[in-house]
Structures are given as C-alpha cells and as structure tokens.
Amino acid sequence: MSSQGYAFEVIEKVLAGQITNYYSRKTLQEYRLWWHIQK
C-alpha cells in the first residue's frame, strides 16, 4: 500500500472515532437528562 493511502486510512479512522465519540457523548447526555425527568 502507498504511504498516501495509509495516511488517508488513518485520518479516516480518527475522524470516524471522533464522530462516534461525539454521538455517544450526546446520547449519554440525553439519557442522563431523560433519567432525571423520569425520577
């Protein structure tokens, strides 16, 4: 594999990881909010 292709794959994985982290944090915040409303 070319080094450029490898670098692109790494960047893609990092971006995907950041997006996943962002959405899981958002979901966690919404779940906590929902949990407080239920109590």
N, C-alpha and C. Protein backbone atom coordinates (compact mmCIF):
# COMPACT_ATOMS: atom_id res chain seq x y z
N MET A 1 0.84 -1.19 0.00
CA MET A 1 0.00 0.00 0.00
C MET A 1 0.88 1.25 0.00
N SER A 2 0.47 2.27 -0.71
CA SER A 2 1.24 3.51 -0.73
C SER A 2 1.11 4.24 0.60
N SER A 3 2.12 5.04 0.92
CA SER A 3 2.09 5.76 2.20
C SER A 3 0.94 6.76 2.24
N GLN A 4 0.59 7.31 1.06
CA GLN A 4 -0.51 8.27 0.99
C GLN A 4 -1.83 7.58 1.32
N GLY A 5 -2.03 6.39 0.77
CA GLY A 5 -3.25 5.63 1.05
C GLY A 5 -3.34 5.25 2.51
N TYR A 6 -2.19 4.91 3.09
CA TYR A 6 -2.15 4.54 4.51
C TYR A 6 -2.51 5.75 5.37
N ALA A 7 -1.94 6.90 5.05
CA ALA A 7 -2.21 8.13 5.81
C ALA A 7 -3.69 8.47 5.72
N PHE A 8 -4.27 8.34 4.55
CA PHE A 8 -5.69 8.64 4.37
C PHE A 8 -6.55 7.72 5.23
N GLU A 9 -6.17 6.44 5.27
CA GLU A 9 -6.93 5.47 6.06
C GLU A 9 -6.88 5.81 7.55
N VAL A 10 -5.70 6.23 8.02
CA VAL A 10 -5.53 6.62 9.42
C VAL A 10 -6.41 7.83 9.74
N ILE A 11 -6.35 8.84 8.87
CA ILE A 11 -7.17 10.05 9.07
C ILE A 11 -8.65 9.68 9.10
N GLU A 12 -9.07 8.80 8.20
CA GLU A 12 -10.46 8.37 8.13
C GLU A 12 -10.88 7.69 9.44
N LYS A 13 -10.01 6.82 9.98
CA LYS A 13 -10.31 6.12 11.23
C LYS A 13 -10.41 7.10 12.40
N VAL A 14 -9.50 8.09 12.43
CA VAL A 14 -9.51 9.09 13.50
C VAL A 14 -10.80 9.90 13.45
N LEU A 15 -11.16 10.34 12.25
CA LEU A 15 -12.39 11.13 12.09
C LEU A 15 -13.61 10.31 12.49
N ALA A 16 -13.65 9.05 12.06
CA ALA A 16 -14.77 8.18 12.41
C ALA A 16 -14.84 8.01 13.92
N GLY A 17 -13.68 7.87 14.55
CA GLY A 17 -13.64 7.73 16.00
C GLY A 17 -14.14 8.97 16.71
N GLN A 18 -13.78 10.14 16.20
CA GLN A 18 -14.23 11.39 16.80
C GLN A 18 -15.73 11.55 16.66
N ILE A 19 -16.27 11.20 15.49
CA ILE A 19 -17.71 11.29 15.26
C ILE A 19 -18.44 10.35 16.20
N THR A 20 -17.92 9.13 16.34
CA THR A 20 -18.53 8.13 17.22
C THR A 20 -18.52 8.63 18.67
N ASN A 21 -17.37 9.18 19.10
CA ASN A 21 -17.27 9.70 20.46
C ASN A 21 -18.26 10.83 20.68
N TYR A 22 -18.38 11.72 19.69
CA TYR A 22 -19.31 12.85 19.78
C TYR A 22 -20.74 12.35 19.95
N TYR A 23 -21.14 11.40 19.12
CA TYR A 23 -22.51 10.89 19.19
C TYR A 23 -22.78 10.12 20.46
N SER A 24 -21.79 9.32 20.94
CA SER A 24 -22.00 8.56 22.17
C SER A 24 -22.09 9.50 23.37
N ARG A 25 -21.29 10.58 23.37
CA ARG A 25 -21.38 11.58 24.44
C ARG A 25 -22.74 12.26 24.42
N LYS A 26 -23.21 12.61 23.23
CA LYS A 26 -24.50 13.27 23.07
C LYS A 26 -25.62 12.35 23.55
N THR A 27 -25.54 11.08 23.19
CA THR A 27 -26.55 10.11 23.60
C THR A 27 -26.54 9.95 25.12
N LEU A 28 -25.35 9.92 25.71
CA LEU A 28 -25.20 9.78 27.16
C LEU A 28 -25.83 10.98 27.87
N GLN A 29 -25.59 12.19 27.35
CA GLN A 29 -26.18 13.39 27.94
C GLN A 29 -27.70 13.34 27.86
N GLU A 30 -28.23 12.93 26.71
CA GLU A 30 -29.67 12.84 26.54
C GLU A 30 -30.26 11.79 27.46
N TYR A 31 -29.55 10.67 27.64
CA TYR A 31 -30.02 9.61 28.52
C TYR A 31 -30.05 10.09 29.96
N ARG A 32 -29.02 10.82 30.39
CA ARG A 32 -28.99 11.35 31.75
C ARG A 32 -30.14 12.32 31.97
N LEU A 33 -30.39 13.17 30.98
CA LEU A 33 -31.49 14.13 31.05
C LEU A 33 -32.82 13.39 31.19
N TRP A 34 -33.01 12.37 30.36
CA TRP A 34 -34.22 11.55 30.40
C TRP A 34 -34.36 10.88 31.76
N TRP A 35 -33.24 10.39 32.30
CA TRP A 35 -33.24 9.71 33.60
C TRP A 35 -33.69 10.66 34.70
N HIS A 36 -33.24 11.91 34.66
CA HIS A 36 -33.64 12.90 35.68
C HIS A 36 -35.13 13.22 35.56
N ILE A 37 -35.62 13.29 34.33
CA ILE A 37 -37.04 13.57 34.10
C ILE A 37 -37.91 12.44 34.65
N GLN A 38 -37.46 11.20 34.49
CA GLN A 38 -38.23 10.04 34.95
C GLN A 38 -38.37 10.00 36.47
N LYS A 39 -37.37 10.50 37.20
CA LYS A 39 -37.37 10.39 38.66
C LYS A 39 -38.35 11.33 39.34
